[in-house]
Amino acid sequence: MWGSGILSRVNRRALVLVAALVLAVAGVAAVVITSQRFGATDGNAAVSTSGPTVLAPPKSDEAAVDFDWQRIAGDEFDGTKVDTRKWSVYDGFDQASNTKWSAKQCTVTGGVLTLTGAADHAGTTCGMSWQGEQVYGRWEVRARFPAPAAIAYDPVFLLWPENDDKAAVGELDFAEEYDPNRQYIESWLHGPGDVQVAYERKYVDLTQWHNYAVEWQASHITCYIDGVPWVGYADPEGIPSQPMHLVLQQNFVPRTKADVPPIKSTVEVDWVRIYR
């Protein structure tokens, strides 16, 4: 009796172990079949057949980080004045644009470049261009546009031809502002032959810090704000194809007699970065 009881318990345990083994094998088989069905390539892949799809958030508010652009140059404005090894600063009266440029209006302090349009009848203002040309590439500028500003002062970040021949080469204004309240940004593309290819406007509070980027390629031009594309041009015939450089400037364009003298108006730039 004692011996048969032991045997019965052993048999029951054996049956339980066998059943567990069968279930384990079945589970493994189900995982293998499921992974094959859904294309999993490793045993750690988790497969879900229900629930919402969660998209990965952008890496940052910089287009360069989000799209892995390769940096080749730039300026963090960490010094006490504009680095003239990197920038050509406009100085003197430009008859072509009827603008009085002054290097004194371009200042660097506390890690920020400030372009200042003076409160004078001449509209004395700041303009500067990067000392480096390239055909195609990517640029990103972190900036803000304090308000109120004079309606006569129009800040713009643009790509300008090396030979200054806009009529033949074209011009790309990837961040341009005409609103004294600084509540919208515009983009203008002037193609070869000085043809106005396109123009777009986006409403955004420019008094806050934002990142303004442009990608210039042979097949397309894309403008970004905080890493998000907001306008693109894709007609190759309207895309410049000769060397250009970055320009930061605040134009003086009085529209009425009441615009002169304008109120003091500024643009603040935290950094400029250039990519392939």
C-alpha atoms as a PDB file:
ATOM      1  CA  MET A   1       0.000   0.000   0.000  1.00  0.00           C
ATOM      2  CA  TRP A   2       2.741   2.406   0.958  1.00  0.00           C
ATOM      3  CA  GLY A   3       4.743   1.477  -2.122  1.00  0.00           C
ATOM      4  CA  SER A   4       1.788   1.858  -4.489  1.00  0.00           C
ATOM      5  CA  GLY A   5       0.970   5.307  -3.041  1.00  0.00           C
ATOM      6  CA  ILE A   6       4.497   6.483  -3.747  1.00  0.00           C
ATOM      7  CA  LEU A   7       4.256   5.153  -7.273  1.00  0.00           C
ATOM      8  CA  SER A   8       0.943   6.894  -7.836  1.00  0.00           C
ATOM      9  CA  ARG A   9       2.379  10.216  -6.664  1.00  0.00           C
ATOM     10  CA  VAL A  10       5.412   9.726  -8.923  1.00  0.00           C
ATOM     11  CA  ASN A  11       3.171   8.956 -11.870  1.00  0.00           C
ATOM     12  CA  ARG A  12       1.085  12.042 -11.187  1.00  0.00           C
ATOM     13  CA  ARG A  13       4.215  14.201 -10.954  1.00  0.00           C
ATOM     14  CA  ALA A  14       5.489  12.714 -14.186  1.00  0.00           C
ATOM     15  CA  LEU A  15       2.223  13.537 -15.902  1.00  0.00           C
ATOM     16  CA  VAL A  16       2.347  17.135 -14.628  1.00  0.00           C
ATOM     17  CA  LEU A  17       5.932  17.538 -15.832  1.00  0.00           C
ATOM     18  CA  VAL A  18       5.075  16.122 -19.233  1.00  0.00           C
ATOM     19  CA  ALA A  19       2.072  18.431 -19.521  1.00  0.00           C
ATOM     20  CA  ALA A  20       4.204  21.452 -18.575  1.00  0.00           C
ATOM     21  CA  LEU A  21       6.819  20.461 -21.111  1.00  0.00           C
ATOM     22  CA  VAL A  22       4.182  20.195 -23.821  1.00  0.00           C
ATOM     23  CA  LEU A  23       2.836  23.635 -22.950  1.00  0.00           C
ATOM     24  CA  ALA A  24       6.340  25.138 -22.984  1.00  0.00           C
ATOM     25  CA  VAL A  25       7.079  23.640 -26.387  1.00  0.00           C
ATOM     26  CA  ALA A  26       3.755  24.907 -27.692  1.00  0.00           C
ATOM     27  CA  GLY A  27       4.552  28.385 -26.364  1.00  0.00           C
ATOM     28  CA  VAL A  28       7.940  28.448 -28.049  1.00  0.00           C
ATOM     29  CA  ALA A  29       6.367  27.277 -31.285  1.00  0.00           C
ATOM     30  CA  ALA A  30       3.764  30.042 -31.067  1.00  0.00           C
ATOM     31  CA  VAL A  31       6.473  32.681 -30.571  1.00  0.00           C
ATOM     32  CA  VAL A  32       8.469  31.344 -33.526  1.00  0.00           C
ATOM     33  CA  ILE A  33       5.408  31.247 -35.766  1.00  0.00           C
ATOM     34  CA  THR A  34       4.358  34.736 -34.705  1.00  0.00           C
ATOM     35  CA  SER A  35       7.834  36.171 -35.256  1.00  0.00           C
ATOM     36  CA  GLN A  36       8.001  34.572 -38.697  1.00  0.00           C
ATOM     37  CA  ARG A  37       4.568  35.893 -39.569  1.00  0.00           C
ATOM     38  CA  PHE A  38       5.387  39.474 -38.590  1.00  0.00           C
ATOM     39  CA  GLY A  39       8.969  39.482 -39.840  1.00  0.00           C
ATOM     40  CA  ALA A  40      10.747  39.653 -36.478  1.00  0.00           C
ATOM     41  CA  THR A  41      14.478  39.094 -36.801  1.00  0.00           C
ATOM     42  CA  ASP A  42      15.433  38.339 -33.220  1.00  0.00           C
ATOM     43  CA  GLY A  43      14.043  36.551 -30.235  1.00  0.00           C
ATOM     44  CA  ASN A  44      13.641  39.768 -28.274  1.00  0.00           C
ATOM     45  CA  ALA A  45      11.255  41.385 -30.746  1.00  0.00           C
ATOM     46  CA  ALA A  46       7.922  42.277 -29.201  1.00  0.00           C
ATOM     47  CA  VAL A  47       4.909  41.949 -31.471  1.00  0.00           C
ATOM     48  CA  SER A  48       1.680  43.784 -30.814  1.00  0.00           C
ATOM     49  CA  THR A  49      -1.396  43.352 -32.960  1.00  0.00           C
ATOM     50  CA  SER A  50      -3.537  45.956 -31.208  1.00  0.00           C
ATOM     51  CA  GLY A  51      -3.359  49.445 -29.751  1.00  0.00           C
ATOM     52  CA  PRO A  52      -2.357  52.811 -31.250  1.00  0.00           C
ATOM     53  CA  THR A  53       0.896  53.373 -33.102  1.00  0.00           C
ATOM     54  CA  VAL A  54       3.217  55.679 -31.142  1.00  0.00           C
ATOM     55  CA  LEU A  55       5.520  57.773 -33.319  1.00  0.00           C
ATOM     56  CA  ALA A  56       8.937  58.732 -32.015  1.00  0.00           C
ATOM     57  CA  PRO A  57       9.137  62.446 -31.120  1.00  0.00           C
ATOM     58  CA  PRO A  58      11.654  64.675 -32.907  1.00  0.00           C
ATOM     59  CA  LYS A  59      15.156  64.504 -31.493  1.00  0.00           C
ATOM     60  CA  SER A  60      15.212  68.248 -30.845  1.00  0.00           C
ATOM     61  CA  ASP A  61      14.052  71.603 -32.183  1.00  0.00           C
ATOM     62  CA  GLU A  62      17.063  71.778 -34.518  1.00  0.00           C
ATOM     63  CA  ALA A  63      16.723  70.552 -38.092  1.00  0.00           C
ATOM     64  CA  ALA A  64      20.419  69.663 -38.072  1.00  0.00           C
ATOM     65  CA  VAL A  65      19.981  67.270 -35.144  1.00  0.00           C
ATOM     66  CA  ASP A  66      16.735  65.771 -36.415  1.00  0.00           C
ATOM     67  CA  PHE A  67      18.162  65.054 -39.865  1.00  0.00           C
ATOM     68  CA  ASP A  68      21.795  64.312 -38.929  1.00  0.00           C
ATOM     69  CA  TRP A  69      23.399  67.123 -40.916  1.00  0.00           C
ATOM     70  CA  GLN A  70      27.204  67.232 -40.909  1.00  0.00           C
ATOM     71  CA  ARG A  71      28.471  70.496 -39.439  1.00  0.00           C
ATOM     72  CA  ILE A  72      31.366  72.219 -41.189  1.00  0.00           C
ATOM     73  CA  ALA A  73      31.415  75.760 -39.733  1.00  0.00           C
ATOM     74  CA  GLY A  74      29.588  78.280 -37.583  1.00  0.00           C
ATOM     75  CA  ASP A  75      29.725  80.967 -34.923  1.00  0.00           C
ATOM     76  CA  GLU A  76      28.505  80.796 -31.310  1.00  0.00           C
ATOM     77  CA  PHE A  77      29.222  84.516 -30.689  1.00  0.00           C
ATOM     78  CA  ASP A  78      31.134  83.812 -27.496  1.00  0.00           C
ATOM     79  CA  GLY A  79      33.499  86.777 -27.876  1.00  0.00           C
ATOM     80  CA  THR A  80      33.095  90.501 -27.300  1.00  0.00           C
ATOM     81  CA  LYS A  81      32.821  91.600 -30.935  1.00  0.00           C
ATOM     82  CA  VAL A  82      32.023  90.251 -34.370  1.00  0.00           C
ATOM     83  CA  ASP A  83      34.730  87.864 -35.565  1.00  0.00           C
ATOM     84  CA  THR A  84      35.894  89.485 -38.813  1.00  0.00           C
ATOM     85  CA  ARG A  85      37.793  86.328 -39.722  1.00  0.00           C
ATOM     86  CA  LYS A  86      34.392  84.756 -40.281  1.00  0.00           C
ATOM     87  CA  TRP A  87      32.219  87.731 -41.246  1.00  0.00           C
ATOM     88  CA  SER A  88      32.394  90.712 -43.558  1.00  0.00           C
ATOM     89  CA  VAL A  89      30.589  93.562 -41.785  1.00  0.00           C
ATOM     90  CA  TYR A  90      28.992  96.239 -43.956  1.00  0.00           C
ATOM     91  CA  ASP A  91      30.112  99.803 -43.337  1.00  0.00           C
ATOM     92  CA  GLY A  92      29.230 102.919 -45.308  1.00  0.00           C
ATOM     93  CA  PHE A  93      26.428 104.065 -47.571  1.00  0.00           C
ATOM     94  CA  ASP A  94      25.228 101.628 -50.209  1.00  0.00           C
ATOM     95  CA  GLN A  95      23.744 103.579 -53.077  1.00  0.00           C
ATOM     96  CA  ALA A  96      22.242 100.507 -54.722  1.00  0.00           C
ATOM     97  CA  SER A  97      20.053  99.731 -51.702  1.00  0.00           C
ATOM     98  CA  ASN A  98      19.914 103.322 -50.401  1.00  0.00           C
ATOM     99  CA  THR A  99      21.018 102.001 -47.013  1.00  0.00           C
ATOM    100  CA  LYS A 100      23.476 103.388 -44.484  1.00  0.00           C
ATOM    101  CA  TRP A 101      25.342 100.413 -43.015  1.00  0.00           C
ATOM    102  CA  SER A 102      27.489 100.790 -39.909  1.00  0.00           C
ATOM    103  CA  ALA A 103      29.721  98.192 -38.269  1.00  0.00           C
ATOM    104  CA  LYS A 104      28.888  99.854 -34.941  1.00  0.00           C
ATOM    105  CA  GLN A 105      25.337  98.538 -35.293  1.00  0.00           C
ATOM    106  CA  CYS A 106      26.564  94.907 -35.184  1.00  0.00           C
ATOM    107  CA  THR A 107      27.527  94.037 -31.604  1.00  0.00           C
ATOM    108  CA  VAL A 108      28.325  90.888 -29.615  1.00  0.00           C
ATOM    109  CA  THR A 109      27.786  90.536 -25.874  1.00  0.00           C
ATOM    110  CA  GLY A 110      26.756  87.739 -23.533  1.00  0.00           C
ATOM    111  CA  GLY A 111      26.943  85.139 -26.290  1.00  0.00           C
ATOM    112  CA  VAL A 112      24.467  86.987 -28.510  1.00  0.00           C
ATOM    113  CA  LEU A 113      24.928  88.925 -31.747  1.00  0.00           C
ATOM    114  CA  THR A 114      22.622  91.961 -31.981  1.00  0.00           C
ATOM    115  CA  LEU A 115      21.750  93.684 -35.248  1.00  0.00           C
ATOM    116  CA  THR A 116      20.476  97.152 -34.381  1.00  0.00           C
ATOM    117  CA  GLY A 117      18.584  99.586 -36.546  1.00  0.00           C
ATOM    118  CA  ALA A 118      19.103 103.048 -35.096  1.00  0.00           C
ATOM    119  CA  ALA A 119      16.431 105.631 -34.350  1.00  0.00           C
ATOM    120  CA  ASP A 120      17.789 108.164 -36.812  1.00  0.00           C
ATOM    121  CA  HIS A 121      16.632 109.684 -40.087  1.00  0.00           C
ATOM    122  CA  ALA A 122      19.254 107.770 -42.081  1.00  0.00           C
ATOM    123  CA  GLY A 123      18.077 104.413 -40.797  1.00  0.00           C
ATOM    124  CA  THR A 124      21.600 103.378 -39.858  1.00  0.00           C
ATOM    125  CA  THR A 125      21.610  99.607 -39.548  1.00  0.00           C
ATOM    126  CA  CYS A 126      23.592  96.359 -39.451  1.00  0.00           C
ATOM    127  CA  GLY A 127      24.425  93.906 -42.193  1.00  0.00           C
ATOM    128  CA  MET A 128      27.055  91.146 -42.378  1.00  0.00           C
ATOM    129  CA  SER A 129      27.935  88.248 -44.658  1.00  0.00           C
ATOM    130  CA  TRP A 130      29.691  84.941 -44.053  1.00  0.00           C
ATOM    131  CA  GLN A 131      33.192  84.654 -45.521  1.00  0.00           C
ATOM    132  CA  GLY A 132      32.741  81.334 -47.215  1.00  0.00           C
ATOM    133  CA  GLU A 133      30.982  80.277 -50.402  1.00  0.00           C
ATOM    134  CA  GLN A 134      29.459  76.943 -51.316  1.00  0.00           C
ATOM    135  CA  VAL A 135      27.131  75.359 -53.828  1.00  0.00           C
ATOM    136  CA  TYR A 136      24.340  73.624 -51.936  1.00  0.00           C
ATOM    137  CA  GLY A 137      24.349  72.955 -48.226  1.00  0.00           C
ATOM    138  CA  ARG A 138      22.391  73.621 -45.050  1.00  0.00           C
ATOM    139  CA  TRP A 139      22.293  76.577 -42.656  1.00  0.00           C
ATOM    140  CA  GLU A 140      20.585  77.071 -39.291  1.00  0.00           C
ATOM    141  CA  VAL A 141      20.248  80.278 -37.250  1.00  0.00           C
ATOM    142  CA  ARG A 142      18.859  80.592 -33.724  1.00  0.00           C
ATOM    143  CA  ALA A 143      17.322  84.037 -33.313  1.00  0.00           C
ATOM    144  CA  ARG A 144      14.554  86.205 -31.961  1.00  0.00           C
ATOM    145  CA  PHE A 145      13.040  89.480 -33.146  1.00  0.00           C
ATOM    146  CA  PRO A 146      12.068  91.814 -30.262  1.00  0.00           C
ATOM    147  CA  ALA A 147       8.944  93.941 -30.579  1.00  0.00           C
ATOM    148  CA  PRO A 148       7.726  96.565 -31.059  1.00  0.00           C
ATOM    149  CA  ALA A 149       9.905  97.391 -34.026  1.00  0.00           C
ATOM    150  CA  ALA A 150       9.831  99.982 -36.764  1.00  0.00           C
ATOM    151  CA  ILE A 151       7.805  99.043 -39.809  1.00  0.00           C
ATOM    152  CA  ALA A 152      10.685 100.480 -41.853  1.00  0.00           C
ATOM    153  CA  TYR A 153      13.185  97.912 -40.519  1.00  0.00           C
ATOM    154  CA  ASP A 154      12.975  94.544 -42.269  1.00  0.00           C
ATOM    155  CA  PRO A 155      15.323  91.853 -40.920  1.00  0.00           C
ATOM    156  CA  VAL A 156      16.227  88.961 -43.205  1.00  0.00           C
ATOM    157  CA  PHE A 157      18.417  85.841 -43.222  1.00  0.00           C
ATOM    158  CA  LEU A 158      19.315  84.878 -46.775  1.00  0.00           C
ATOM    159  CA  LEU A 159      21.689  83.194 -49.198  1.00  0.00           C
ATOM    160  CA  TRP A 160      23.301  85.651 -51.614  1.00  0.00           C
ATOM    161  CA  PRO A 161      25.427  84.921 -54.731  1.00  0.00           C
ATOM    162  CA  GLU A 162      29.186  85.089 -54.484  1.00  0.00           C
ATOM    163  CA  ASN A 163      29.444  87.355 -57.525  1.00  0.00           C
ATOM    164  CA  ASP A 164      26.649  89.683 -56.265  1.00  0.00           C
ATOM    165  CA  ASP A 165      24.770  89.061 -59.510  1.00  0.00           C
ATOM    166  CA  LYS A 166      21.305  88.339 -58.159  1.00  0.00           C
ATOM    167  CA  ALA A 167      19.765  88.807 -61.600  1.00  0.00           C
ATOM    168  CA  ALA A 168      21.777  85.927 -63.039  1.00  0.00           C
ATOM    169  CA  VAL A 169      22.172  83.626 -60.039  1.00  0.00           C
ATOM    170  CA  GLY A 170      19.126  84.230 -57.837  1.00  0.00           C
ATOM    171  CA  GLU A 171      18.587  84.784 -54.123  1.00  0.00           C
ATOM    172  CA  LEU A 172      17.057  82.740 -51.304  1.00  0.00           C
ATOM    173  CA  ASP A 173      15.443  84.572 -48.363  1.00  0.00           C
ATOM    174  CA  PHE A 174      14.650  81.806 -45.869  1.00  0.00           C
ATOM    175  CA  ALA A 175      13.565  84.039 -42.972  1.00  0.00           C
ATOM    176  CA  GLU A 176      12.308  87.553 -43.704  1.00  0.00           C
ATOM    177  CA  GLU A 177      10.153  89.847 -41.561  1.00  0.00           C
ATOM    178  CA  TYR A 178       7.977  92.857 -42.389  1.00  0.00           C
ATOM    179  CA  ASP A 179       5.682  92.934 -39.360  1.00  0.00           C
ATOM    180  CA  PRO A 180       6.532  95.528 -36.653  1.00  0.00           C
ATOM    181  CA  ASN A 181       4.830  93.235 -34.121  1.00  0.00           C
ATOM    182  CA  ARG A 182       7.082  90.362 -35.234  1.00  0.00           C
ATOM    183  CA  GLN A 183       4.287  87.804 -35.564  1.00  0.00           C
ATOM    184  CA  TYR A 184       5.002  86.189 -38.926  1.00  0.00           C
ATOM    185  CA  ILE A 185       7.920  85.041 -41.050  1.00  0.00           C
ATOM    186  CA  GLU A 186       8.235  84.910 -44.833  1.00  0.00           C
ATOM    187  CA  SER A 187      10.319  83.031 -47.375  1.00  0.00           C
ATOM    188  CA  TRP A 188      11.109  84.299 -50.878  1.00  0.00           C
ATOM    189  CA  LEU A 189      12.894  82.430 -53.650  1.00  0.00           C
ATOM    190  CA  HIS A 190      14.307  84.385 -56.587  1.00  0.00           C
ATOM    191  CA  GLY A 191      15.549  81.967 -59.202  1.00  0.00           C
ATOM    192  CA  PRO A 192      18.176  82.370 -61.928  1.00  0.00           C
ATOM    193  CA  GLY A 193      17.228  85.221 -64.226  1.00  0.00           C
ATOM    194  CA  ASP A 194      15.800  87.134 -61.221  1.00  0.00           C
ATOM    195  CA  VAL A 195      12.505  85.283 -61.560  1.00  0.00           C
ATOM    196  CA  GLN A 196      10.381  85.316 -58.409  1.00  0.00           C
ATOM    197  CA  VAL A 197       9.723  81.608 -58.087  1.00  0.00           C
ATOM    198  CA  ALA A 198       7.662  81.514 -54.908  1.00  0.00           C
ATOM    199  CA  TYR A 199       6.765  83.200 -51.657  1.00  0.00           C
ATOM    200  CA  GLU A 200       5.286  81.817 -48.422  1.00  0.00           C
ATOM    201  CA  ARG A 201       4.255  83.228 -45.038  1.00  0.00           C
ATOM    202  CA  LYS A 202       3.942  81.521 -41.655  1.00  0.00           C
ATOM    203  CA  TYR A 203       2.444  83.051 -38.520  1.00  0.00           C
ATOM    204  CA  VAL A 204       4.626  82.522 -35.457  1.00  0.00           C
ATOM    205  CA  ASP A 205       5.674  84.605 -32.439  1.00  0.00           C
ATOM    206  CA  LEU A 206       9.108  85.773 -33.503  1.00  0.00           C
ATOM    207  CA  THR A 207       9.738  87.535 -30.205  1.00  0.00           C
ATOM    208  CA  GLN A 208      10.546  84.080 -28.811  1.00  0.00           C
ATOM    209  CA  TRP A 209      13.687  82.106 -29.632  1.00  0.00           C
ATOM    210  CA  HIS A 210      13.325  79.889 -32.707  1.00  0.00           C
ATOM    211  CA  ASN A 211      15.659  78.009 -35.025  1.00  0.00           C
ATOM    212  CA  TYR A 212      15.445  79.016 -38.692  1.00  0.00           C
ATOM    213  CA  ALA A 213      17.037  76.582 -41.127  1.00  0.00           C
ATOM    214  CA  VAL A 214      17.309  76.136 -44.871  1.00  0.00           C
ATOM    215  CA  GLU A 215      18.375  73.138 -46.918  1.00  0.00           C
ATOM    216  CA  TRP A 216      19.567  74.021 -50.431  1.00  0.00           C
ATOM    217  CA  GLN A 217      20.034  71.077 -52.770  1.00  0.00           C
ATOM    218  CA  ALA A 218      20.030  70.705 -56.559  1.00  0.00           C
ATOM    219  CA  SER A 219      16.592  69.075 -56.496  1.00  0.00           C
ATOM    220  CA  HIS A 220      14.857  71.048 -53.760  1.00  0.00           C
ATOM    221  CA  ILE A 221      14.937  73.818 -51.161  1.00  0.00           C
ATOM    222  CA  THR A 222      13.307  73.306 -47.752  1.00  0.00           C
ATOM    223  CA  CYS A 223      12.850  75.870 -44.970  1.00  0.00           C
ATOM    224  CA  TYR A 224      12.444  74.803 -41.332  1.00  0.00           C
ATOM    225  CA  ILE A 225      11.341  76.375 -38.073  1.00  0.00           C
ATOM    226  CA  ASP A 226      12.406  74.500 -34.939  1.00  0.00           C
ATOM    227  CA  GLY A 227      13.209  71.416 -36.998  1.00  0.00           C
ATOM    228  CA  VAL A 228       9.812  71.287 -38.727  1.00  0.00           C
ATOM    229  CA  PRO A 229       9.616  71.907 -42.512  1.00  0.00           C
ATOM    230  CA  TRP A 230       7.219  74.731 -43.328  1.00  0.00           C
ATOM    231  CA  VAL A 231       7.876  75.502 -46.982  1.00  0.00           C
ATOM    232  CA  GLY A 232       9.613  73.763 -49.866  1.00  0.00           C
ATOM    233  CA  TYR A 233      10.534  74.462 -53.479  1.00  0.00           C
ATOM    234  CA  ALA A 234      11.067  71.565 -55.867  1.00  0.00           C
ATOM    235  CA  ASP A 235      11.366  72.989 -59.386  1.00  0.00           C
ATOM    236  CA  PRO A 236      15.045  72.552 -60.363  1.00  0.00           C
ATOM    237  CA  GLU A 237      14.801  75.323 -62.965  1.00  0.00           C
ATOM    238  CA  GLY A 238      14.052  77.836 -60.213  1.00  0.00           C
ATOM    239  CA  ILE A 239      16.819  76.722 -57.846  1.00  0.00           C
ATOM    240  CA  PRO A 240      20.138  78.640 -57.846  1.00  0.00           C
ATOM    241  CA  SER A 241      23.139  76.511 -58.769  1.00  0.00           C
ATOM    242  CA  GLN A 242      26.114  78.841 -58.313  1.00  0.00           C
ATOM    243  CA  PRO A 243      28.126  79.614 -55.136  1.00  0.00           C
ATOM    244  CA  MET A 244      26.314  81.556 -52.423  1.00  0.00           C
ATOM    245  CA  HIS A 245      26.914  82.655 -48.834  1.00  0.00           C
ATOM    246  CA  LEU A 246      24.864  83.419 -45.736  1.00  0.00           C
ATOM    247  CA  VAL A 247      23.817  87.009 -45.006  1.00  0.00           C
ATOM    248  CA  LEU A 248      22.284  88.438 -41.808  1.00  0.00           C
ATOM    249  CA  GLN A 249      20.971  91.959 -42.147  1.00  0.00           C
ATOM    250  CA  GLN A 250      18.252  94.405 -41.152  1.00  0.00           C
ATOM    251  CA  ASN A 251      17.128  96.456 -44.136  1.00  0.00           C
ATOM    252  CA  PHE A 252      15.851 100.004 -43.859  1.00  0.00           C
ATOM    253  CA  VAL A 253      12.865 100.515 -46.160  1.00  0.00           C
ATOM    254  CA  PRO A 254      10.753 103.530 -45.133  1.00  0.00           C
ATOM    255  CA  ARG A 255       7.272 103.286 -46.626  1.00  0.00           C
ATOM    256  CA  THR A 256       5.878 106.634 -45.500  1.00  0.00           C
ATOM    257  CA  LYS A 257       7.257 109.881 -44.103  1.00  0.00           C
ATOM    258  CA  ALA A 258       6.009 108.736 -40.704  1.00  0.00           C
ATOM    259  CA  ASP A 259       8.581 105.922 -40.805  1.00  0.00           C
ATOM    260  CA  VAL A 260      11.437 108.440 -40.482  1.00  0.00           C
ATOM    261  CA  PRO A 261      12.981 108.521 -38.010  1.00  0.00           C
ATOM    262  CA  PRO A 262      12.133 104.925 -37.083  1.00  0.00           C
ATOM    263  CA  ILE A 263      12.142 103.563 -33.573  1.00  0.00           C
ATOM    264  CA  LYS A 264      15.166 101.528 -32.538  1.00  0.00           C
ATOM    265  CA  SER A 265      14.747  97.941 -33.731  1.00  0.00           C
ATOM    266  CA  THR A 266      16.872  94.874 -33.034  1.00  0.00           C
ATOM    267  CA  VAL A 267      17.450  91.275 -34.053  1.00  0.00           C
ATOM    268  CA  GLU A 268      19.221  88.908 -31.646  1.00  0.00           C
ATOM    269  CA  VAL A 269      21.163  85.870 -32.883  1.00  0.00           C
ATOM    270  CA  ASP A 270      22.299  83.156 -30.480  1.00  0.00           C
ATOM    271  CA  TRP A 271      24.277  81.113 -32.994  1.00  0.00           C
ATOM    272  CA  VAL A 272      24.847  80.337 -36.664  1.00  0.00           C
ATOM    273  CA  ARG A 273      25.740  76.830 -37.878  1.00  0.00           C
ATOM    274  CA  ILE A 274      26.638  75.665 -41.366  1.00  0.00           C
ATOM    275  CA  TYR A 275      26.380  72.107 -42.662  1.00  0.00           C
ATOM    276  CA  ARG A 276      27.139  70.120 -45.784  1.00  0.00           C
END
